[in-house]
């Protein structure tokens, strides 16, 4: 039996705003620590966390040796530019 699948248009600005508020509510006045692998998922989490917390987000990036050549350097440069 086939089910109908509907495309839902994502309102990116609303999503970002909601997640930023959610992060701020959870963390409160404290700090948060996150791990950045350089992949899409952890990069999005890091960007949202930085937008929500600024310098109160402490990000750890570890080069595990499995990334493409120069990729760890690019990840560091990109995220250091956020502040």
PDB file of N, CA and C in Angstrom:
ATOM      1  N   UNK A   1       0.846  -1.178   0.000  1.00  0.00           N
ATOM      2  CA  UNK A   1       0.000   0.000   0.000  1.00  0.00           C
ATOM      3  C   UNK A   1       0.891   1.241   0.000  1.00  0.00           C
ATOM      4  N   UNK A   2       0.710   2.084  -0.960  1.00  0.00           N
ATOM      5  CA  UNK A   2       1.511   3.309  -1.079  1.00  0.00           C
ATOM      6  C   UNK A   2       0.915   4.409  -0.212  1.00  0.00           C
ATOM      7  N   UNK A   3       1.795   5.191   0.379  1.00  0.00           N
ATOM      8  CA  UNK A   3       1.358   6.331   1.181  1.00  0.00           C
ATOM      9  C   UNK A   3       1.748   7.609   0.474  1.00  0.00           C
ATOM     10  N   UNK A   4       0.936   8.604   0.675  1.00  0.00           N
ATOM     11  CA  UNK A   4       1.222   9.900   0.072  1.00  0.00           C
ATOM     12  C   UNK A   4       2.354  10.583   0.833  1.00  0.00           C
ATOM     13  N   UNK A   5       3.295  11.098   0.094  1.00  0.00           N
ATOM     14  CA  UNK A   5       4.403  11.840   0.691  1.00  0.00           C
ATOM     15  C   UNK A   5       4.282  13.279   0.229  1.00  0.00           C
ATOM     16  N   UNK A   6       4.261  14.187   1.174  1.00  0.00           N
ATOM     17  CA  UNK A   6       4.133  15.600   0.839  1.00  0.00           C
ATOM     18  C   UNK A   6       5.420  16.337   1.161  1.00  0.00           C
ATOM     19  N   UNK A   7       5.780  17.206   0.273  1.00  0.00           N
ATOM     20  CA  UNK A   7       6.949  18.053   0.516  1.00  0.00           C
ATOM     21  C   UNK A   7       6.520  19.208   1.411  1.00  0.00           C
ATOM     22  N   UNK A   8       7.318  19.470   2.407  1.00  0.00           N
ATOM     23  CA  UNK A   8       7.053  20.585   3.306  1.00  0.00           C
ATOM     24  C   UNK A   8       8.147  21.611   3.084  1.00  0.00           C
ATOM     25  N   UNK A   9       7.726  22.825   2.813  1.00  0.00           N
ATOM     26  CA  UNK A   9       8.707  23.881   2.581  1.00  0.00           C
ATOM     27  C   UNK A   9       9.237  24.356   3.932  1.00  0.00           C
ATOM     28  N   UNK A  10      10.543  24.306   4.085  1.00  0.00           N
ATOM     29  CA  UNK A  10      11.189  24.713   5.326  1.00  0.00           C
ATOM     30  C   UNK A  10      11.399  26.218   5.319  1.00  0.00           C
ATOM     31  N   UNK A  11      10.982  26.854   6.384  1.00  0.00           N
ATOM     32  CA  UNK A  11      11.264  28.274   6.571  1.00  0.00           C
ATOM     33  C   UNK A  11      12.568  28.340   7.360  1.00  0.00           C
ATOM     34  N   UNK A  12      13.668  28.524   6.649  1.00  0.00           N
ATOM     35  CA  UNK A  12      14.996  28.445   7.266  1.00  0.00           C
ATOM     36  C   UNK A  12      15.184  29.479   8.362  1.00  0.00           C
ATOM     37  N   UNK A  13      14.764  30.708   8.130  1.00  0.00           N
ATOM     38  CA  UNK A  13      14.943  31.757   9.145  1.00  0.00           C
ATOM     39  C   UNK A  13      14.180  31.425  10.419  1.00  0.00           C
ATOM     40  N   UNK A  14      12.971  30.906  10.273  1.00  0.00           N
ATOM     41  CA  UNK A  14      12.169  30.522  11.442  1.00  0.00           C
ATOM     42  C   UNK A  14      12.840  29.367  12.187  1.00  0.00           C
ATOM     43  N   UNK A  15      13.320  28.379  11.438  1.00  0.00           N
ATOM     44  CA  UNK A  15      13.999  27.234  12.044  1.00  0.00           C
ATOM     45  C   UNK A  15      15.220  27.696  12.838  1.00  0.00           C
ATOM     46  N   UNK A  16      16.039  28.534  12.216  1.00  0.00           N
ATOM     47  CA  UNK A  16      17.249  29.032  12.881  1.00  0.00           C
ATOM     48  C   UNK A  16      16.886  29.800  14.137  1.00  0.00           C
ATOM     49  N   UNK A  17      15.914  30.692  14.032  1.00  0.00           N
ATOM     50  CA  UNK A  17      15.483  31.491  15.181  1.00  0.00           C
ATOM     51  C   UNK A  17      14.990  30.604  16.326  1.00  0.00           C
ATOM     52  N   UNK A  18      14.194  29.600  16.001  1.00  0.00           N
ATOM     53  CA  UNK A  18      13.672  28.685  17.027  1.00  0.00           C
ATOM     54  C   UNK A  18      14.797  27.910  17.702  1.00  0.00           C
ATOM     55  N   UNK A  19      15.753  27.414  16.922  1.00  0.00           N
ATOM     56  CA  UNK A  19      16.849  26.630  17.498  1.00  0.00           C
ATOM     57  C   UNK A  19      17.766  27.500  18.348  1.00  0.00           C
ATOM     58  N   UNK A  20      18.012  28.726  17.910  1.00  0.00           N
ATOM     59  CA  UNK A  20      18.836  29.650  18.695  1.00  0.00           C
ATOM     60  C   UNK A  20      18.168  29.919  20.042  1.00  0.00           C
ATOM     61  N   UNK A  21      16.863  30.182  20.032  1.00  0.00           N
ATOM     62  CA  UNK A  21      16.141  30.421  21.291  1.00  0.00           C
ATOM     63  C   UNK A  21      16.159  29.181  22.179  1.00  0.00           C
ATOM     64  N   UNK A  22      16.009  28.006  21.567  1.00  0.00           N
ATOM     65  CA  UNK A  22      16.026  26.751  22.322  1.00  0.00           C
ATOM     66  C   UNK A  22      17.386  26.533  22.990  1.00  0.00           C
ATOM     67  N   UNK A  23      18.457  26.782  22.264  1.00  0.00           N
ATOM     68  CA  UNK A  23      19.806  26.632  22.822  1.00  0.00           C
ATOM     69  C   UNK A  23      20.000  27.594  23.984  1.00  0.00           C
ATOM     70  N   UNK A  24      19.601  28.845  23.800  1.00  0.00           N
ATOM     71  CA  UNK A  24      19.740  29.842  24.871  1.00  0.00           C
ATOM     72  C   UNK A  24      18.957  29.444  26.114  1.00  0.00           C
ATOM     73  N   UNK A  25      17.762  28.896  25.915  1.00  0.00           N
ATOM     74  CA  UNK A  25      16.932  28.471  27.048  1.00  0.00           C
ATOM     75  C   UNK A  25      17.597  27.317  27.805  1.00  0.00           C
ATOM     76  N   UNK A  26      18.122  26.354  27.072  1.00  0.00           N
ATOM     77  CA  UNK A  26      18.740  25.183  27.698  1.00  0.00           C
ATOM     78  C   UNK A  26      20.020  25.556  28.438  1.00  0.00           C
ATOM     79  N   UNK A  27      20.863  26.366  27.812  1.00  0.00           N
ATOM     80  CA  UNK A  27      22.166  26.707  28.396  1.00  0.00           C
ATOM     81  C   UNK A  27      22.037  27.773  29.474  1.00  0.00           C
ATOM     82  N   UNK A  28      21.060  28.640  29.343  1.00  0.00           N
ATOM     83  CA  UNK A  28      20.911  29.721  30.321  1.00  0.00           C
ATOM     84  C   UNK A  28      22.103  30.660  30.262  1.00  0.00           C
ATOM     85  N   UNK A  29      22.656  30.976  31.429  1.00  0.00           N
ATOM     86  CA  UNK A  29      23.795  31.896  31.491  1.00  0.00           C
ATOM     87  C   UNK A  29      25.131  31.162  31.500  1.00  0.00           C
ATOM     88  N   UNK A  30      25.083  29.850  31.368  1.00  0.00           N
ATOM     89  CA  UNK A  30      26.297  29.046  31.416  1.00  0.00           C
ATOM     90  C   UNK A  30      27.018  28.994  30.085  1.00  0.00           C
ATOM     91  N   UNK A  31      27.898  28.020  29.981  1.00  0.00           N
ATOM     92  CA  UNK A  31      28.628  27.783  28.736  1.00  0.00           C
ATOM     93  C   UNK A  31      28.208  26.423  28.183  1.00  0.00           C
ATOM     94  N   UNK A  32      28.516  26.196  26.930  1.00  0.00           N
ATOM     95  CA  UNK A  32      28.251  24.899  26.307  1.00  0.00           C
ATOM     96  C   UNK A  32      29.518  24.446  25.602  1.00  0.00           C
ATOM     97  N   UNK A  33      29.707  23.146  25.558  1.00  0.00           N
ATOM     98  CA  UNK A  33      30.851  22.550  24.877  1.00  0.00           C
ATOM     99  C   UNK A  33      30.302  21.656  23.770  1.00  0.00           C
ATOM    100  N   UNK A  34      30.872  21.780  22.581  1.00  0.00           N
ATOM    101  CA  UNK A  34      30.454  20.884  21.505  1.00  0.00           C
ATOM    102  C   UNK A  34      31.670  20.376  20.744  1.00  0.00           C
ATOM    103  N   UNK A  35      31.469  19.259  20.063  1.00  0.00           N
ATOM    104  CA  UNK A  35      32.529  18.651  19.258  1.00  0.00           C
ATOM    105  C   UNK A  35      32.231  18.913  17.789  1.00  0.00           C
ATOM    106  N   UNK A  36      33.242  19.344  17.065  1.00  0.00           N
ATOM    107  CA  UNK A  36      33.124  19.649  15.642  1.00  0.00           C
ATOM    108  C   UNK A  36      33.960  18.651  14.857  1.00  0.00           C
ATOM    109  N   UNK A  37      33.285  17.859  14.016  1.00  0.00           N
ATOM    110  CA  UNK A  37      34.021  16.894  13.193  1.00  0.00           C
ATOM    111  C   UNK A  37      34.376  17.480  11.834  1.00  0.00           C
ATOM    112  N   UNK A  38      33.679  18.532  11.443  1.00  0.00           N
ATOM    113  CA  UNK A  38      33.871  19.114  10.124  1.00  0.00           C
ATOM    114  C   UNK A  38      32.808  18.668   9.137  1.00  0.00           C
ATOM    115  N   UNK A  39      31.979  17.715   9.541  1.00  0.00           N
ATOM    116  CA  UNK A  39      30.875  17.266   8.694  1.00  0.00           C
ATOM    117  C   UNK A  39      29.701  18.233   8.765  1.00  0.00           C
ATOM    118  N   UNK A  40      28.701  17.970   7.959  1.00  0.00           N
ATOM    119  CA  UNK A  40      27.556  18.875   7.876  1.00  0.00           C
ATOM    120  C   UNK A  40      26.833  18.987   9.214  1.00  0.00           C
ATOM    121  N   UNK A  41      26.537  17.870   9.857  1.00  0.00           N
ATOM    122  CA  UNK A  41      25.745  17.901  11.087  1.00  0.00           C
ATOM    123  C   UNK A  41      26.423  18.705  12.189  1.00  0.00           C
ATOM    124  N   UNK A  42      27.666  18.379  12.487  1.00  0.00           N
ATOM    125  CA  UNK A  42      28.339  19.088  13.579  1.00  0.00           C
ATOM    126  C   UNK A  42      28.646  20.535  13.199  1.00  0.00           C
ATOM    127  N   UNK A  43      28.803  20.813  11.914  1.00  0.00           N
ATOM    128  CA  UNK A  43      29.027  22.193  11.474  1.00  0.00           C
ATOM    129  C   UNK A  43      27.778  23.042  11.680  1.00  0.00           C
ATOM    130  N   UNK A  44      26.614  22.480  11.381  1.00  0.00           N
ATOM    131  CA  UNK A  44      25.358  23.203  11.604  1.00  0.00           C
ATOM    132  C   UNK A  44      25.141  23.434  13.092  1.00  0.00           C
ATOM    133  N   UNK A  45      25.377  22.413  13.902  1.00  0.00           N
ATOM    134  CA  UNK A  45      25.229  22.558  15.354  1.00  0.00           C
ATOM    135  C   UNK A  45      26.169  23.641  15.877  1.00  0.00           C
ATOM    136  N   UNK A  46      27.392  23.655  15.392  1.00  0.00           N
ATOM    137  CA  UNK A  46      28.368  24.657  15.818  1.00  0.00           C
ATOM    138  C   UNK A  46      27.923  26.055  15.408  1.00  0.00           C
ATOM    139  N   UNK A  47      27.454  26.208  14.184  1.00  0.00           N
ATOM    140  CA  UNK A  47      27.001  27.521  13.709  1.00  0.00           C
ATOM    141  C   UNK A  47      25.798  28.014  14.508  1.00  0.00           C
ATOM    142  N   UNK A  48      24.842  27.134  14.775  1.00  0.00           N
ATOM    143  CA  UNK A  48      23.679  27.518  15.581  1.00  0.00           C
ATOM    144  C   UNK A  48      24.094  27.860  17.009  1.00  0.00           C
ATOM    145  N   UNK A  49      24.968  27.039  17.574  1.00  0.00           N
ATOM    146  CA  UNK A  49      25.451  27.296  18.930  1.00  0.00           C
ATOM    147  C   UNK A  49      26.188  28.610  19.029  1.00  0.00           C
ATOM    148  N   UNK A  50      26.994  28.909  18.033  1.00  0.00           N
ATOM    149  CA  UNK A  50      27.736  30.173  18.037  1.00  0.00           C
ATOM    150  C   UNK A  50      26.789  31.352  17.915  1.00  0.00           C
ATOM    151  N   UNK A  51      25.781  31.217  17.070  1.00  0.00           N
ATOM    152  CA  UNK A  51      24.805  32.298  16.927  1.00  0.00           C
ATOM    153  C   UNK A  51      24.053  32.521  18.237  1.00  0.00           C
ATOM    154  N   UNK A  52      23.762  31.439  18.938  1.00  0.00           N
ATOM    155  CA  UNK A  52      23.004  31.535  20.187  1.00  0.00           C
ATOM    156  C   UNK A  52      23.850  32.015  21.358  1.00  0.00           C
ATOM    157  N   UNK A  53      25.097  31.569  21.429  1.00  0.00           N
ATOM    158  CA  UNK A  53      25.890  31.770  22.640  1.00  0.00           C
ATOM    159  C   UNK A  53      27.140  32.614  22.447  1.00  0.00           C
ATOM    160  N   UNK A  54      27.578  32.781  21.226  1.00  0.00           N
ATOM    161  CA  UNK A  54      28.806  33.538  20.985  1.00  0.00           C
ATOM    162  C   UNK A  54      29.990  32.863  21.653  1.00  0.00           C
ATOM    163  N   UNK A  55      30.723  33.629  22.437  1.00  0.00           N
ATOM    164  CA  UNK A  55      31.944  33.104  23.072  1.00  0.00           C
ATOM    165  C   UNK A  55      31.668  32.131  24.212  1.00  0.00           C
ATOM    166  N   UNK A  56      30.409  31.968  24.578  1.00  0.00           N
ATOM    167  CA  UNK A  56      30.071  30.996  25.626  1.00  0.00           C
ATOM    168  C   UNK A  56      29.989  29.577  25.069  1.00  0.00           C
ATOM    169  N   UNK A  57      30.164  29.431  23.755  1.00  0.00           N
ATOM    170  CA  UNK A  57      30.247  28.107  23.141  1.00  0.00           C
ATOM    171  C   UNK A  57      31.715  27.738  23.002  1.00  0.00           C
ATOM    172  N   UNK A  58      32.101  26.642  23.590  1.00  0.00           N
ATOM    173  CA  UNK A  58      33.477  26.140  23.509  1.00  0.00           C
ATOM    174  C   UNK A  58      33.467  24.926  22.581  1.00  0.00           C
ATOM    175  N   UNK A  59      34.134  25.063  21.451  1.00  0.00           N
ATOM    176  CA  UNK A  59      34.114  24.018  20.431  1.00  0.00           C
ATOM    177  C   UNK A  59      35.446  23.287  20.380  1.00  0.00           C
ATOM    178  N   UNK A  60      35.375  21.967  20.339  1.00  0.00           N
ATOM    179  CA  UNK A  60      36.570  21.127  20.229  1.00  0.00           C
ATOM    180  C   UNK A  60      36.592  20.490  18.843  1.00  0.00           C
ATOM    181  N   UNK A  61      37.717  20.653  18.147  1.00  0.00           N
ATOM    182  CA  UNK A  61      37.904  20.027  16.840  1.00  0.00           C
ATOM    183  C   UNK A  61      39.161  19.178  16.908  1.00  0.00           C
ATOM    184  N   UNK A  62      39.019  17.918  16.575  1.00  0.00           N
ATOM    185  CA  UNK A  62      40.156  16.997  16.601  1.00  0.00           C
ATOM    186  C   UNK A  62      40.343  16.421  15.204  1.00  0.00           C
ATOM    187  N   UNK A  63      41.528  16.594  14.667  1.00  0.00           N
ATOM    188  CA  UNK A  63      41.867  16.004  13.368  1.00  0.00           C
ATOM    189  C   UNK A  63      42.124  14.518  13.600  1.00  0.00           C
ATOM    190  N   UNK A  64      41.204  13.690  13.131  1.00  0.00           N
ATOM    191  CA  UNK A  64      41.318  12.247  13.353  1.00  0.00           C
ATOM    192  C   UNK A  64      42.146  11.541  12.281  1.00  0.00           C
ATOM    193  N   UNK A  65      42.680  12.312  11.325  1.00  0.00           N
ATOM    194  CA  UNK A  65      43.510  11.726  10.283  1.00  0.00           C
ATOM    195  C   UNK A  65      42.741  11.123   9.126  1.00  0.00           C
ATOM    196  N   UNK A  66      41.427  11.184   9.157  1.00  0.00           N
ATOM    197  CA  UNK A  66      40.611  10.574   8.109  1.00  0.00           C
ATOM    198  C   UNK A  66      40.011  11.595   7.144  1.00  0.00           C
ATOM    199  N   UNK A  67      40.362  12.852   7.310  1.00  0.00           N
ATOM    200  CA  UNK A  67      39.806  13.895   6.451  1.00  0.00           C
ATOM    201  C   UNK A  67      40.644  14.044   5.184  1.00  0.00           C
ATOM    202  N   UNK A  68      40.072  14.743   4.207  1.00  0.00           N
ATOM    203  CA  UNK A  68      40.798  15.006   2.960  1.00  0.00           C
ATOM    204  C   UNK A  68      41.990  15.909   3.240  1.00  0.00           C
ATOM    205  N   UNK A  69      42.928  15.914   2.307  1.00  0.00           N
ATOM    206  CA  UNK A  69      44.120  16.745   2.459  1.00  0.00           C
ATOM    207  C   UNK A  69      43.699  18.213   2.612  1.00  0.00           C
ATOM    208  N   UNK A  70      44.268  18.876   3.589  1.00  0.00           N
ATOM    209  CA  UNK A  70      44.024  20.291   3.904  1.00  0.00           C
ATOM    210  C   UNK A  70      42.641  20.578   4.489  1.00  0.00           C
ATOM    211  N   UNK A  71      41.774  19.581   4.596  1.00  0.00           N
ATOM    212  CA  UNK A  71      40.433  19.819   5.121  1.00  0.00           C
ATOM    213  C   UNK A  71      40.444  20.268   6.581  1.00  0.00           C
ATOM    214  N   UNK A  72      41.254  19.664   7.452  1.00  0.00           N
ATOM    215  CA  UNK A  72      41.281  20.150   8.836  1.00  0.00           C
ATOM    216  C   UNK A  72      41.644  21.638   8.918  1.00  0.00           C
ATOM    217  N   UNK A  73      42.595  22.061   8.114  1.00  0.00           N
ATOM    218  CA  UNK A  73      42.999  23.467   8.099  1.00  0.00           C
ATOM    219  C   UNK A  73      41.833  24.354   7.659  1.00  0.00           C
ATOM    220  N   UNK A  74      41.100  23.922   6.634  1.00  0.00           N
ATOM    221  CA  UNK A  74      39.958  24.689   6.141  1.00  0.00           C
ATOM    222  C   UNK A  74      38.856  24.789   7.189  1.00  0.00           C
ATOM    223  N   UNK A  75      38.603  23.695   7.899  1.00  0.00           N
ATOM    224  CA  UNK A  75      37.585  23.697   8.954  1.00  0.00           C
ATOM    225  C   UNK A  75      37.981  24.686  10.044  1.00  0.00           C
ATOM    226  N   UNK A  76      39.234  24.637  10.474  1.00  0.00           N
ATOM    227  CA  UNK A  76      39.708  25.557  11.517  1.00  0.00           C
ATOM    228  C   UNK A  76      39.565  27.007  11.078  1.00  0.00           C
ATOM    229  N   UNK A  77      39.987  27.311   9.858  1.00  0.00           N
ATOM    230  CA  UNK A  77      39.913  28.689   9.354  1.00  0.00           C
ATOM    231  C   UNK A  77      38.465  29.169   9.313  1.00  0.00           C
ATOM    232  N   UNK A  78      37.582  28.333   8.804  1.00  0.00           N
ATOM    233  CA  UNK A  78      36.176  28.710   8.698  1.00  0.00           C
ATOM    234  C   UNK A  78      35.576  29.030  10.059  1.00  0.00           C
ATOM    235  N   UNK A  79      35.780  28.144  11.019  1.00  0.00           N
ATOM    236  CA  UNK A  79      35.130  28.339  12.311  1.00  0.00           C
ATOM    237  C   UNK A  79      35.854  29.345  13.193  1.00  0.00           C
ATOM    238  N   UNK A  80      37.141  29.535  13.004  1.00  0.00           N
ATOM    239  CA  UNK A  80      37.834  30.597  13.735  1.00  0.00           C
ATOM    240  C   UNK A  80      37.355  31.962  13.261  1.00  0.00           C
ATOM    241  N   UNK A  81      36.931  32.055  12.006  1.00  0.00           N
ATOM    242  CA  UNK A  81      36.443  33.331  11.486  1.00  0.00           C
ATOM    243  C   UNK A  81      35.113  33.734  12.120  1.00  0.00           C
ATOM    244  N   UNK A  82      34.410  32.774  12.734  1.00  0.00           N
ATOM    245  CA  UNK A  82      33.164  33.104  13.429  1.00  0.00           C
ATOM    246  C   UNK A  82      33.422  33.864  14.724  1.00  0.00           C
ATOM    247  N   UNK A  83      34.592  33.646  15.284  1.00  0.00           N
ATOM    248  CA  UNK A  83      34.912  34.348  16.526  1.00  0.00           C
ATOM    249  C   UNK A  83      35.247  33.444  17.657  1.00  0.00           C
TER     250      UNK A  83
END
